[in-house]
Amino acid sequence: MAEYRTAPLVSEYLTSADTLERCPADDEPEVAFVGRSNSGKSSTLNRLTGNKRLARVGKTPGRTQLLNFFTVQAGGRLVDLPGYGYARVPQYRREAWGRSVDDYLHNRLNLVLLVHVMDARRPLERFDRDMLRWCGEREKPLLALLNKADKLNRSKGADALRAVQRALPPEATAILFSAQTGLGADEALQVLRASLRLSASP
């Protein structure tokens, strides 16, 4: 496990659902992870929980096909949503994922934060801009994580961060992040813990 200044969100798998009706009772604060397929959502979730095996990670885009719920040991839940955009699956499956994600985002009352994972090398593609606009229109709390920032030099990383910051809705936050190296993990954990009303220590 990596060294953390802010305690990771130690979690365990709870359940998966393909529709809103099959989700767990809406009685706990939830932080949901959303992003384009292959942006590294599952790897990001694993980094922030300190568990490389919590969420399934694969090289094939579209690996996450259900709404996956994880119980945070200290309280609340994390939710890994199906990736949007490109995925090597039939169109009808992508449409079903879209409906389940839309239903969740529109109707989940205890959604306290949306973590939007983007590839720092290709931020603000059409799907990313649509999600930012949706959050702004509904005043949803948002944390944008520019994942894979370790693959950029300092100058290009700063440029990517500024571009995303300009596109963010009010009150949203953007962080350069790397699920591989842990860059930005402590800062992200502080935001997640504050949203779940958890202390920074175990």
N, C-alpha and C. Protein backbone atom coordinates (compact mmCIF):
# COMPACT_ATOMS: atom_id res chain seq x y z
N MET A 1 0.85 -1.19 0.00
CA MET A 1 0.00 0.00 0.00
C MET A 1 0.89 1.25 0.00
N ALA A 2 0.46 2.27 -0.76
CA ALA A 2 1.23 3.51 -0.83
C ALA A 2 1.17 4.25 0.50
N GLU A 3 2.15 5.16 0.69
CA GLU A 3 2.15 6.00 1.88
C GLU A 3 1.20 7.16 1.65
N TYR A 4 0.31 7.40 2.60
CA TYR A 4 -0.67 8.47 2.48
C TYR A 4 -0.54 9.40 3.68
N ARG A 5 -0.61 10.70 3.42
CA ARG A 5 -0.72 11.66 4.52
C ARG A 5 -2.17 11.75 4.97
N THR A 6 -3.09 11.66 4.01
CA THR A 6 -4.51 11.61 4.30
C THR A 6 -4.94 10.15 4.18
N ALA A 7 -5.66 9.64 5.16
CA ALA A 7 -6.00 8.22 5.18
C ALA A 7 -6.84 7.84 3.96
N PRO A 8 -6.49 6.75 3.27
CA PRO A 8 -7.31 6.29 2.14
C PRO A 8 -8.69 5.87 2.62
N LEU A 9 -9.62 5.82 1.70
CA LEU A 9 -10.99 5.44 2.03
C LEU A 9 -11.12 3.91 1.97
N VAL A 10 -10.67 3.25 3.01
CA VAL A 10 -10.72 1.79 3.05
C VAL A 10 -12.15 1.33 2.83
N SER A 11 -12.34 0.48 1.83
CA SER A 11 -13.69 0.12 1.41
C SER A 11 -13.77 -1.35 1.05
N GLU A 12 -14.99 -1.85 0.96
CA GLU A 12 -15.21 -3.23 0.50
C GLU A 12 -16.40 -3.25 -0.45
N TYR A 13 -16.36 -4.20 -1.37
CA TYR A 13 -17.44 -4.33 -2.35
C TYR A 13 -18.76 -4.62 -1.66
N LEU A 14 -19.82 -3.92 -2.09
CA LEU A 14 -21.15 -4.12 -1.54
C LEU A 14 -22.05 -4.87 -2.52
N THR A 15 -22.29 -4.28 -3.70
CA THR A 15 -23.18 -4.91 -4.67
C THR A 15 -23.05 -4.19 -6.01
N SER A 16 -23.65 -4.76 -7.04
CA SER A 16 -23.71 -4.13 -8.36
C SER A 16 -25.17 -4.09 -8.81
N ALA A 17 -25.49 -3.12 -9.66
CA ALA A 17 -26.86 -2.98 -10.14
C ALA A 17 -26.84 -2.52 -11.59
N ASP A 18 -27.84 -2.99 -12.36
CA ASP A 18 -27.94 -2.55 -13.75
C ASP A 18 -29.05 -1.54 -13.96
N THR A 19 -29.84 -1.28 -12.92
CA THR A 19 -30.89 -0.27 -12.98
C THR A 19 -30.96 0.44 -11.63
N LEU A 20 -31.58 1.61 -11.62
CA LEU A 20 -31.72 2.36 -10.38
C LEU A 20 -32.51 1.58 -9.34
N GLU A 21 -33.51 0.84 -9.81
CA GLU A 21 -34.36 0.09 -8.89
C GLU A 21 -33.59 -0.99 -8.14
N ARG A 22 -32.51 -1.45 -8.70
CA ARG A 22 -31.73 -2.52 -8.07
C ARG A 22 -30.57 -1.99 -7.23
N CYS A 23 -30.45 -0.67 -7.14
CA CYS A 23 -29.39 -0.07 -6.32
C CYS A 23 -29.73 -0.24 -4.84
N PRO A 24 -28.73 -0.17 -3.96
CA PRO A 24 -29.00 -0.23 -2.52
C PRO A 24 -29.89 0.92 -2.09
N ALA A 25 -30.47 0.79 -0.92
CA ALA A 25 -31.31 1.86 -0.38
C ALA A 25 -30.54 3.18 -0.38
N ASP A 26 -31.23 4.24 -0.73
CA ASP A 26 -30.61 5.56 -0.84
C ASP A 26 -30.55 6.22 0.53
N ASP A 27 -29.79 5.62 1.43
CA ASP A 27 -29.78 6.08 2.82
C ASP A 27 -28.38 6.38 3.35
N GLU A 28 -27.38 6.44 2.44
CA GLU A 28 -26.00 6.74 2.83
C GLU A 28 -25.44 7.77 1.86
N PRO A 29 -24.57 8.69 2.33
CA PRO A 29 -23.92 9.62 1.41
C PRO A 29 -23.04 8.84 0.43
N GLU A 30 -23.08 9.24 -0.84
CA GLU A 30 -22.35 8.53 -1.88
C GLU A 30 -21.50 9.48 -2.71
N VAL A 31 -20.30 9.03 -3.04
CA VAL A 31 -19.41 9.71 -3.98
C VAL A 31 -19.34 8.83 -5.22
N ALA A 32 -19.74 9.37 -6.36
CA ALA A 32 -19.79 8.58 -7.59
C ALA A 32 -18.64 8.98 -8.52
N PHE A 33 -18.04 7.98 -9.17
CA PHE A 33 -16.95 8.19 -10.10
C PHE A 33 -17.47 8.00 -11.53
N VAL A 34 -17.27 9.01 -12.35
CA VAL A 34 -17.75 8.97 -13.73
C VAL A 34 -16.63 9.42 -14.65
N GLY A 35 -16.66 8.96 -15.88
CA GLY A 35 -15.62 9.38 -16.82
C GLY A 35 -15.72 8.61 -18.12
N ARG A 36 -15.00 9.08 -19.10
CA ARG A 36 -14.97 8.43 -20.39
C ARG A 36 -14.31 7.06 -20.26
N SER A 37 -14.74 6.11 -21.06
CA SER A 37 -14.13 4.79 -21.05
C SER A 37 -12.62 4.90 -21.25
N ASN A 38 -11.88 4.18 -20.45
CA ASN A 38 -10.42 4.13 -20.51
C ASN A 38 -9.75 5.37 -19.92
N SER A 39 -10.49 6.15 -19.14
CA SER A 39 -9.87 7.31 -18.46
C SER A 39 -9.16 6.88 -17.19
N GLY A 40 -9.42 5.66 -16.73
CA GLY A 40 -8.76 5.16 -15.52
C GLY A 40 -9.60 5.31 -14.27
N LYS A 41 -10.93 5.23 -14.43
CA LYS A 41 -11.81 5.37 -13.27
C LYS A 41 -11.55 4.33 -12.20
N SER A 42 -11.51 3.08 -12.62
CA SER A 42 -11.34 2.00 -11.64
C SER A 42 -9.97 2.08 -10.96
N SER A 43 -8.93 2.40 -11.73
CA SER A 43 -7.60 2.56 -11.14
C SER A 43 -7.57 3.72 -10.15
N THR A 44 -8.29 4.79 -10.48
CA THR A 44 -8.39 5.93 -9.58
C THR A 44 -9.06 5.54 -8.28
N LEU A 45 -10.15 4.80 -8.38
CA LEU A 45 -10.86 4.35 -7.19
C LEU A 45 -9.96 3.45 -6.34
N ASN A 46 -9.20 2.58 -6.99
CA ASN A 46 -8.30 1.70 -6.26
C ASN A 46 -7.20 2.49 -5.53
N ARG A 47 -6.68 3.53 -6.17
CA ARG A 47 -5.66 4.36 -5.54
C ARG A 47 -6.22 5.06 -4.31
N LEU A 48 -7.43 5.60 -4.40
CA LEU A 48 -7.99 6.38 -3.31
C LEU A 48 -8.47 5.51 -2.15
N THR A 49 -8.65 4.22 -2.40
CA THR A 49 -9.02 3.31 -1.32
C THR A 49 -7.82 2.53 -0.78
N GLY A 50 -6.66 2.68 -1.45
CA GLY A 50 -5.48 1.95 -1.01
C GLY A 50 -5.56 0.47 -1.27
N ASN A 51 -6.40 0.07 -2.24
CA ASN A 51 -6.60 -1.35 -2.52
C ASN A 51 -6.57 -1.57 -4.02
N LYS A 52 -5.48 -2.14 -4.53
CA LYS A 52 -5.31 -2.33 -5.97
C LYS A 52 -6.31 -3.31 -6.56
N ARG A 53 -6.96 -4.09 -5.72
CA ARG A 53 -7.86 -5.12 -6.21
C ARG A 53 -9.34 -4.81 -6.00
N LEU A 54 -9.64 -3.62 -5.49
CA LEU A 54 -11.04 -3.32 -5.17
C LEU A 54 -11.92 -3.28 -6.41
N ALA A 55 -11.56 -2.44 -7.37
CA ALA A 55 -12.33 -2.32 -8.61
C ALA A 55 -11.57 -3.02 -9.73
N ARG A 56 -12.29 -3.71 -10.59
CA ARG A 56 -11.66 -4.45 -11.67
C ARG A 56 -11.07 -3.49 -12.69
N VAL A 57 -9.82 -3.75 -13.06
CA VAL A 57 -9.11 -2.90 -14.02
C VAL A 57 -8.73 -3.76 -15.21
N GLY A 58 -8.96 -3.22 -16.41
CA GLY A 58 -8.57 -3.96 -17.60
C GLY A 58 -8.12 -3.02 -18.70
N LYS A 59 -7.46 -3.56 -19.71
CA LYS A 59 -6.98 -2.74 -20.82
C LYS A 59 -8.08 -2.46 -21.83
N THR A 60 -9.18 -3.22 -21.76
CA THR A 60 -10.27 -3.04 -22.70
C THR A 60 -11.22 -1.96 -22.21
N PRO A 61 -11.44 -0.88 -22.98
CA PRO A 61 -12.38 0.15 -22.57
C PRO A 61 -13.78 -0.44 -22.37
N GLY A 62 -14.50 0.07 -21.39
CA GLY A 62 -15.85 -0.40 -21.14
C GLY A 62 -15.91 -1.58 -20.21
N ARG A 63 -14.86 -1.81 -19.43
CA ARG A 63 -14.83 -2.97 -18.53
C ARG A 63 -15.92 -2.85 -17.46
N THR A 64 -16.14 -1.62 -16.95
CA THR A 64 -17.18 -1.42 -15.95
C THR A 64 -18.53 -1.34 -16.65
N GLN A 65 -19.40 -2.32 -16.43
CA GLN A 65 -20.66 -2.39 -17.14
C GLN A 65 -21.87 -2.26 -16.23
N LEU A 66 -21.65 -2.13 -14.93
CA LEU A 66 -22.73 -1.99 -13.97
C LEU A 66 -22.43 -0.83 -13.04
N LEU A 67 -23.42 -0.44 -12.25
CA LEU A 67 -23.19 0.52 -11.18
C LEU A 67 -22.67 -0.29 -10.00
N ASN A 68 -21.39 -0.11 -9.66
CA ASN A 68 -20.74 -0.90 -8.61
C ASN A 68 -20.63 -0.09 -7.33
N PHE A 69 -21.15 -0.63 -6.23
CA PHE A 69 -21.19 0.06 -4.95
C PHE A 69 -20.18 -0.54 -3.98
N PHE A 70 -19.46 0.35 -3.27
CA PHE A 70 -18.48 -0.05 -2.28
C PHE A 70 -18.77 0.67 -0.97
N THR A 71 -18.77 -0.07 0.11
CA THR A 71 -19.00 0.51 1.42
C THR A 71 -17.70 1.03 1.99
N VAL A 72 -17.66 2.30 2.37
CA VAL A 72 -16.49 2.90 3.00
C VAL A 72 -16.50 2.54 4.48
N GLN A 73 -15.40 1.98 4.95
CA GLN A 73 -15.33 1.50 6.33
C GLN A 73 -15.70 2.58 7.34
N ALA A 74 -15.28 3.83 7.07
CA ALA A 74 -15.53 4.92 8.02
C ALA A 74 -16.92 5.53 7.86
N GLY A 75 -17.64 5.17 6.78
CA GLY A 75 -18.98 5.68 6.56
C GLY A 75 -19.20 6.15 5.14
N GLY A 76 -20.38 5.90 4.60
CA GLY A 76 -20.71 6.30 3.24
C GLY A 76 -20.36 5.24 2.22
N ARG A 77 -20.53 5.59 0.94
CA ARG A 77 -20.27 4.65 -0.15
C ARG A 77 -19.54 5.34 -1.29
N LEU A 78 -18.81 4.54 -2.07
CA LEU A 78 -18.25 4.95 -3.34
C LEU A 78 -18.97 4.18 -4.43
N VAL A 79 -19.19 4.82 -5.57
CA VAL A 79 -19.93 4.19 -6.67
C VAL A 79 -19.13 4.34 -7.95
N ASP A 80 -18.80 3.22 -8.57
CA ASP A 80 -18.08 3.21 -9.84
C ASP A 80 -19.11 3.07 -10.95
N LEU A 81 -19.31 4.14 -11.73
CA LEU A 81 -20.32 4.14 -12.79
C LEU A 81 -19.72 3.68 -14.11
N PRO A 82 -20.53 3.08 -14.98
CA PRO A 82 -20.03 2.66 -16.30
C PRO A 82 -19.44 3.84 -17.06
N GLY A 83 -18.34 3.61 -17.77
CA GLY A 83 -17.72 4.67 -18.55
C GLY A 83 -18.58 5.06 -19.73
N TYR A 84 -18.53 6.33 -20.09
CA TYR A 84 -19.30 6.78 -21.24
C TYR A 84 -18.38 6.96 -22.44
N GLY A 85 -18.97 6.95 -23.62
CA GLY A 85 -18.18 7.07 -24.83
C GLY A 85 -17.80 5.71 -25.39
N TYR A 86 -16.61 5.64 -25.93
CA TYR A 86 -16.15 4.44 -26.61
C TYR A 86 -16.08 3.23 -25.68
N ALA A 87 -16.61 2.12 -26.16
CA ALA A 87 -16.44 0.84 -25.46
C ALA A 87 -16.69 -0.27 -26.47
N ARG A 88 -15.93 -1.34 -26.37
CA ARG A 88 -16.06 -2.43 -27.34
C ARG A 88 -17.19 -3.37 -26.94
N VAL A 89 -18.39 -2.82 -26.97
CA VAL A 89 -19.58 -3.59 -26.65
C VAL A 89 -20.67 -3.16 -27.62
N PRO A 90 -21.72 -3.97 -27.78
CA PRO A 90 -22.79 -3.60 -28.70
C PRO A 90 -23.46 -2.28 -28.31
N GLN A 91 -24.00 -1.60 -29.31
CA GLN A 91 -24.65 -0.31 -29.10
C GLN A 91 -25.77 -0.39 -28.07
N TYR A 92 -26.55 -1.48 -28.11
CA TYR A 92 -27.67 -1.58 -27.18
C TYR A 92 -27.20 -1.64 -25.73
N ARG A 93 -26.00 -2.21 -25.50
CA ARG A 93 -25.47 -2.26 -24.14
C ARG A 93 -25.03 -0.86 -23.70
N ARG A 94 -24.39 -0.09 -24.61
CA ARG A 94 -23.99 1.26 -24.27
C ARG A 94 -25.21 2.12 -23.95
N GLU A 95 -26.29 1.91 -24.70
CA GLU A 95 -27.52 2.68 -24.43
C GLU A 95 -28.10 2.32 -23.07
N ALA A 96 -28.04 1.04 -22.70
CA ALA A 96 -28.54 0.61 -21.39
C ALA A 96 -27.71 1.23 -20.27
N TRP A 97 -26.38 1.25 -20.45
CA TRP A 97 -25.51 1.88 -19.46
C TRP A 97 -25.89 3.35 -19.30
N GLY A 98 -26.11 4.02 -20.45
CA GLY A 98 -26.45 5.43 -20.40
C GLY A 98 -27.72 5.69 -19.61
N ARG A 99 -28.72 4.84 -19.80
CA ARG A 99 -29.98 5.01 -19.06
C ARG A 99 -29.77 4.81 -17.57
N SER A 100 -29.00 3.80 -17.20
CA SER A 100 -28.80 3.53 -15.77
C SER A 100 -28.01 4.64 -15.11
N VAL A 101 -26.99 5.17 -15.81
CA VAL A 101 -26.20 6.27 -15.26
C VAL A 101 -27.06 7.53 -15.15
N ASP A 102 -27.83 7.83 -16.19
CA ASP A 102 -28.70 9.01 -16.15
C ASP A 102 -29.69 8.91 -14.99
N ASP A 103 -30.30 7.75 -14.83
CA ASP A 103 -31.26 7.56 -13.74
C ASP A 103 -30.59 7.78 -12.39
N TYR A 104 -29.39 7.22 -12.25
CA TYR A 104 -28.68 7.37 -10.98
C TYR A 104 -28.37 8.85 -10.71
N LEU A 105 -27.80 9.54 -11.68
CA LEU A 105 -27.38 10.92 -11.48
C LEU A 105 -28.56 11.86 -11.23
N HIS A 106 -29.68 11.60 -11.88
CA HIS A 106 -30.84 12.46 -11.73
C HIS A 106 -31.62 12.21 -10.44
N ASN A 107 -31.59 10.99 -9.94
CA ASN A 107 -32.53 10.62 -8.89
C ASN A 107 -31.91 10.21 -7.55
N ARG A 108 -30.59 10.05 -7.50
CA ARG A 108 -29.97 9.60 -6.25
C ARG A 108 -29.88 10.78 -5.29
N LEU A 109 -30.63 10.76 -4.22
CA LEU A 109 -30.75 11.90 -3.31
C LEU A 109 -29.50 12.11 -2.47
N ASN A 110 -28.78 11.04 -2.15
CA ASN A 110 -27.61 11.14 -1.27
C ASN A 110 -26.29 11.19 -2.02
N LEU A 111 -26.34 11.59 -3.29
CA LEU A 111 -25.11 11.80 -4.06
C LEU A 111 -24.50 13.13 -3.60
N VAL A 112 -23.38 13.06 -2.86
CA VAL A 112 -22.79 14.26 -2.28
C VAL A 112 -21.64 14.82 -3.11
N LEU A 113 -21.09 14.01 -4.03
CA LEU A 113 -19.97 14.48 -4.85
C LEU A 113 -19.85 13.61 -6.08
N LEU A 114 -19.59 14.25 -7.22
CA LEU A 114 -19.31 13.53 -8.45
C LEU A 114 -17.83 13.72 -8.77
N VAL A 115 -17.10 12.61 -8.87
CA VAL A 115 -15.68 12.66 -9.23
C VAL A 115 -15.58 12.34 -10.72
N HIS A 116 -15.20 13.34 -11.48
CA HIS A 116 -15.13 13.22 -12.94
C HIS A 116 -13.68 12.95 -13.34
N VAL A 117 -13.40 11.73 -13.77
CA VAL A 117 -12.04 11.34 -14.14
C VAL A 117 -11.83 11.57 -15.64
N MET A 118 -10.81 12.36 -15.97
CA MET A 118 -10.45 12.63 -17.36
C MET A 118 -9.02 12.20 -17.61
N ASP A 119 -8.71 11.87 -18.83
CA ASP A 119 -7.33 11.62 -19.23
C ASP A 119 -6.67 12.99 -19.42
N ALA A 120 -5.65 13.28 -18.62
CA ALA A 120 -5.00 14.59 -18.67
C ALA A 120 -4.40 14.89 -20.04
N ARG A 121 -4.13 13.86 -20.81
CA ARG A 121 -3.56 14.08 -22.14
C ARG A 121 -4.62 14.47 -23.16
N ARG A 122 -5.89 14.15 -22.85
CA ARG A 122 -6.99 14.47 -23.77
C ARG A 122 -8.20 14.93 -22.97
N PRO A 123 -8.08 16.01 -22.20
CA PRO A 123 -9.21 16.46 -21.40
C PRO A 123 -10.24 17.20 -22.27
N LEU A 124 -11.43 17.34 -21.72
CA LEU A 124 -12.47 18.17 -22.33
C LEU A 124 -12.90 17.71 -23.70
N GLU A 125 -12.96 16.38 -23.90
CA GLU A 125 -13.60 15.89 -25.11
C GLU A 125 -15.11 16.10 -24.96
N ARG A 126 -15.86 15.84 -26.02
CA ARG A 126 -17.28 16.21 -26.02
C ARG A 126 -18.02 15.64 -24.83
N PHE A 127 -17.80 14.38 -24.48
CA PHE A 127 -18.49 13.76 -23.36
C PHE A 127 -18.12 14.44 -22.04
N ASP A 128 -16.84 14.84 -21.92
CA ASP A 128 -16.41 15.53 -20.71
C ASP A 128 -17.12 16.87 -20.57
N ARG A 129 -17.19 17.62 -21.66
CA ARG A 129 -17.86 18.92 -21.63
C ARG A 129 -19.34 18.78 -21.31
N ASP A 130 -19.97 17.73 -21.84
CA ASP A 130 -21.39 17.48 -21.55
C ASP A 130 -21.59 17.24 -20.05
N MET A 131 -20.69 16.48 -19.44
CA MET A 131 -20.82 16.17 -18.02
C MET A 131 -20.59 17.43 -17.18
N LEU A 132 -19.61 18.23 -17.54
CA LEU A 132 -19.37 19.47 -16.81
C LEU A 132 -20.58 20.40 -16.90
N ARG A 133 -21.16 20.47 -18.08
CA ARG A 133 -22.33 21.32 -18.26
C ARG A 133 -23.51 20.80 -17.43
N TRP A 134 -23.68 19.49 -17.43
CA TRP A 134 -24.78 18.89 -16.65
C TRP A 134 -24.62 19.21 -15.17
N CYS A 135 -23.41 19.08 -14.66
CA CYS A 135 -23.16 19.37 -13.24
C CYS A 135 -23.42 20.84 -12.93
N GLY A 136 -23.01 21.71 -13.85
CA GLY A 136 -23.22 23.12 -13.62
C GLY A 136 -24.68 23.50 -13.60
N GLU A 137 -25.45 22.92 -14.51
CA GLU A 137 -26.87 23.23 -14.58
C GLU A 137 -27.62 22.76 -13.34
N ARG A 138 -27.15 21.67 -12.75
CA ARG A 138 -27.85 21.10 -11.58
C ARG A 138 -27.14 21.41 -10.27
N GLU A 139 -26.07 22.20 -10.35
CA GLU A 139 -25.32 22.61 -9.16
C GLU A 139 -24.87 21.42 -8.33
N LYS A 140 -24.40 20.38 -9.04
CA LYS A 140 -23.88 19.19 -8.37
C LYS A 140 -22.42 19.42 -7.97
N PRO A 141 -22.03 19.11 -6.74
CA PRO A 141 -20.62 19.21 -6.35
C PRO A 141 -19.76 18.33 -7.24
N LEU A 142 -18.64 18.86 -7.70
CA LEU A 142 -17.82 18.17 -8.69
C LEU A 142 -16.34 18.29 -8.37
N LEU A 143 -15.63 17.17 -8.47
CA LEU A 143 -14.18 17.14 -8.40
C LEU A 143 -13.68 16.52 -9.70
N ALA A 144 -12.92 17.29 -10.49
CA ALA A 144 -12.35 16.79 -11.74
C ALA A 144 -10.92 16.32 -11.48
N LEU A 145 -10.66 15.05 -11.75
CA LEU A 145 -9.32 14.49 -11.59
C LEU A 145 -8.72 14.27 -12.97
N LEU A 146 -7.62 14.97 -13.26
CA LEU A 146 -6.94 14.82 -14.54
C LEU A 146 -5.93 13.68 -14.40
N ASN A 147 -6.43 12.48 -14.64
CA ASN A 147 -5.64 11.28 -14.43
C ASN A 147 -4.57 11.13 -15.52
N LYS A 148 -3.56 10.31 -15.22
CA LYS A 148 -2.44 10.04 -16.12
C LYS A 148 -1.57 11.28 -16.31
N ALA A 149 -1.61 12.19 -15.32
CA ALA A 149 -0.80 13.40 -15.40
C ALA A 149 0.69 13.08 -15.35
N ASP A 150 1.06 11.90 -14.86
CA ASP A 150 2.46 11.49 -14.82
C ASP A 150 3.04 11.32 -16.21
N LYS A 151 2.18 11.23 -17.22
CA LYS A 151 2.63 11.05 -18.60
C LYS A 151 2.88 12.40 -19.29
N LEU A 152 2.65 13.51 -18.57
CA LEU A 152 2.88 14.84 -19.11
C LEU A 152 4.05 15.51 -18.38
N ASN A 153 4.77 16.39 -19.08
CA ASN A 153 5.78 17.17 -18.37
C ASN A 153 5.07 18.28 -17.58
N ARG A 154 5.83 18.99 -16.77
CA ARG A 154 5.22 19.98 -15.88
C ARG A 154 4.47 21.06 -16.64
N SER A 155 5.03 21.53 -17.75
CA SER A 155 4.40 22.59 -18.52
C SER A 155 3.07 22.14 -19.13
N LYS A 156 3.07 20.96 -19.75
CA LYS A 156 1.84 20.48 -20.37
C LYS A 156 0.80 20.12 -19.32
N GLY A 157 1.24 19.64 -18.17
CA GLY A 157 0.31 19.36 -17.09
C GLY A 157 -0.36 20.64 -16.61
N ALA A 158 0.42 21.70 -16.45
CA ALA A 158 -0.14 22.98 -16.02
C ALA A 158 -1.10 23.53 -17.06
N ASP A 159 -0.79 23.36 -18.34
CA ASP A 159 -1.68 23.82 -19.41
C ASP A 159 -3.01 23.07 -19.36
N ALA A 160 -2.94 21.75 -19.17
CA ALA A 160 -4.16 20.95 -19.11
C ALA A 160 -5.02 21.35 -17.92
N LEU A 161 -4.38 21.59 -16.78
CA LEU A 161 -5.12 21.98 -15.58
C LEU A 161 -5.81 23.33 -15.79
N ARG A 162 -5.12 24.29 -16.37
CA ARG A 162 -5.72 25.60 -16.61
C ARG A 162 -6.91 25.50 -17.56
N ALA A 163 -6.77 24.68 -18.59
CA ALA A 163 -7.86 24.53 -19.56
C ALA A 163 -9.12 23.96 -18.90
N VAL A 164 -8.92 22.96 -18.05
CA VAL A 164 -10.07 22.36 -17.37
C VAL A 164 -10.66 23.33 -16.35
N GLN A 165 -9.81 24.04 -15.63
CA GLN A 165 -10.30 25.01 -14.65
C GLN A 165 -11.17 26.08 -15.29
N ARG A 166 -10.81 26.49 -16.50
CA ARG A 166 -11.62 27.50 -17.21
C ARG A 166 -13.00 26.94 -17.59
N ALA A 167 -13.08 25.64 -17.79
CA ALA A 167 -14.34 25.03 -18.23
C ALA A 167 -15.23 24.56 -17.08
N LEU A 168 -14.69 24.58 -15.87
CA LEU A 168 -15.45 24.05 -14.73
C LEU A 168 -16.61 24.95 -14.35
N PRO A 169 -17.71 24.35 -13.86
CA PRO A 169 -18.78 25.16 -13.29
C PRO A 169 -18.33 25.76 -11.97
N PRO A 170 -19.06 26.76 -11.45
CA PRO A 170 -18.68 27.38 -10.17
C PRO A 170 -18.60 26.35 -9.05
N GLU A 171 -17.67 26.57 -8.14
CA GLU A 171 -17.50 25.74 -6.95
C GLU A 171 -16.89 24.37 -7.22
N ALA A 172 -16.61 24.03 -8.49
CA ALA A 172 -15.97 22.75 -8.80
C ALA A 172 -14.46 22.89 -8.65
N THR A 173 -13.79 21.75 -8.47
CA THR A 173 -12.34 21.72 -8.26
C THR A 173 -11.68 20.78 -9.25
N ALA A 174 -10.50 21.13 -9.72
CA ALA A 174 -9.73 20.26 -10.61
C ALA A 174 -8.36 19.99 -10.00
N ILE A 175 -7.87 18.77 -10.14
CA ILE A 175 -6.59 18.35 -9.57
C ILE A 175 -5.83 17.52 -10.60
N LEU A 176 -4.54 17.81 -10.78
CA LEU A 176 -3.69 16.92 -11.56
C LEU A 176 -3.51 15.64 -10.74
N PHE A 177 -3.69 14.49 -11.38
CA PHE A 177 -3.77 13.23 -10.63
C PHE A 177 -3.09 12.12 -11.42
N SER A 178 -2.60 11.14 -10.69
CA SER A 178 -2.08 9.93 -11.32
C SER A 178 -2.41 8.73 -10.45
N ALA A 179 -3.25 7.86 -10.96
CA ALA A 179 -3.55 6.62 -10.24
C ALA A 179 -2.32 5.74 -10.16
N GLN A 180 -1.38 5.93 -11.09
CA GLN A 180 -0.18 5.11 -11.14
C GLN A 180 0.81 5.50 -10.05
N THR A 181 1.06 6.81 -9.91
CA THR A 181 2.10 7.27 -8.99
C THR A 181 1.57 7.82 -7.68
N GLY A 182 0.29 8.17 -7.63
CA GLY A 182 -0.27 8.76 -6.43
C GLY A 182 -0.27 10.28 -6.44
N LEU A 183 0.19 10.89 -7.53
CA LEU A 183 0.15 12.35 -7.65
C LEU A 183 -1.27 12.86 -7.41
N GLY A 184 -1.43 13.80 -6.50
CA GLY A 184 -2.73 14.41 -6.25
C GLY A 184 -3.66 13.60 -5.37
N ALA A 185 -3.23 12.41 -4.95
CA ALA A 185 -4.12 11.53 -4.18
C ALA A 185 -4.50 12.13 -2.84
N ASP A 186 -3.54 12.72 -2.14
CA ASP A 186 -3.85 13.29 -0.82
C ASP A 186 -4.84 14.45 -0.93
N GLU A 187 -4.63 15.29 -1.93
CA GLU A 187 -5.55 16.42 -2.12
C GLU A 187 -6.95 15.91 -2.47
N ALA A 188 -7.02 14.90 -3.33
CA ALA A 188 -8.32 14.33 -3.69
C ALA A 188 -8.99 13.69 -2.48
N LEU A 189 -8.22 12.97 -1.68
CA LEU A 189 -8.79 12.33 -0.50
C LEU A 189 -9.36 13.34 0.49
N GLN A 190 -8.73 14.47 0.60
CA GLN A 190 -9.25 15.50 1.49
C GLN A 190 -10.62 15.97 1.03
N VAL A 191 -10.80 16.11 -0.30
CA VAL A 191 -12.10 16.54 -0.82
C VAL A 191 -13.15 15.45 -0.59
N LEU A 192 -12.78 14.20 -0.86
CA LEU A 192 -13.74 13.10 -0.68
C LEU A 192 -14.13 12.94 0.77
N ARG A 193 -13.16 13.02 1.67
CA ARG A 193 -13.45 12.85 3.09
C ARG A 193 -14.33 13.99 3.60
N ALA A 194 -14.09 15.20 3.12
CA ALA A 194 -14.93 16.33 3.53
C ALA A 194 -16.36 16.13 3.02
N SER A 195 -16.52 15.61 1.80
CA SER A 195 -17.85 15.39 1.25
C SER A 195 -18.61 14.32 2.02
N LEU A 196 -17.89 13.29 2.46
CA LEU A 196 -18.51 12.22 3.25
C LEU A 196 -18.55 12.54 4.74
N ARG A 197 -18.02 13.73 5.08
CA ARG A 197 -17.98 14.19 6.48
C ARG A 197 -17.18 13.24 7.36
N LEU A 198 -16.02 12.86 6.83
CA LEU A 198 -15.10 11.99 7.56
C LEU A 198 -13.86 12.80 7.94
N SER A 199 -13.20 12.41 9.02
CA SER A 199 -11.96 13.07 9.39
C SER A 199 -10.85 12.63 8.44
N ALA A 200 -9.73 13.35 8.45
CA ALA A 200 -8.62 13.03 7.55
C ALA A 200 -7.82 11.84 8.04
N SER A 201 -7.99 11.45 9.31
CA SER A 201 -7.23 10.33 9.88
C SER A 201 -8.12 9.12 9.95
N PRO A 202 -7.53 7.91 10.09
CA PRO A 202 -8.32 6.68 10.14
C PRO A 202 -9.32 6.69 11.27
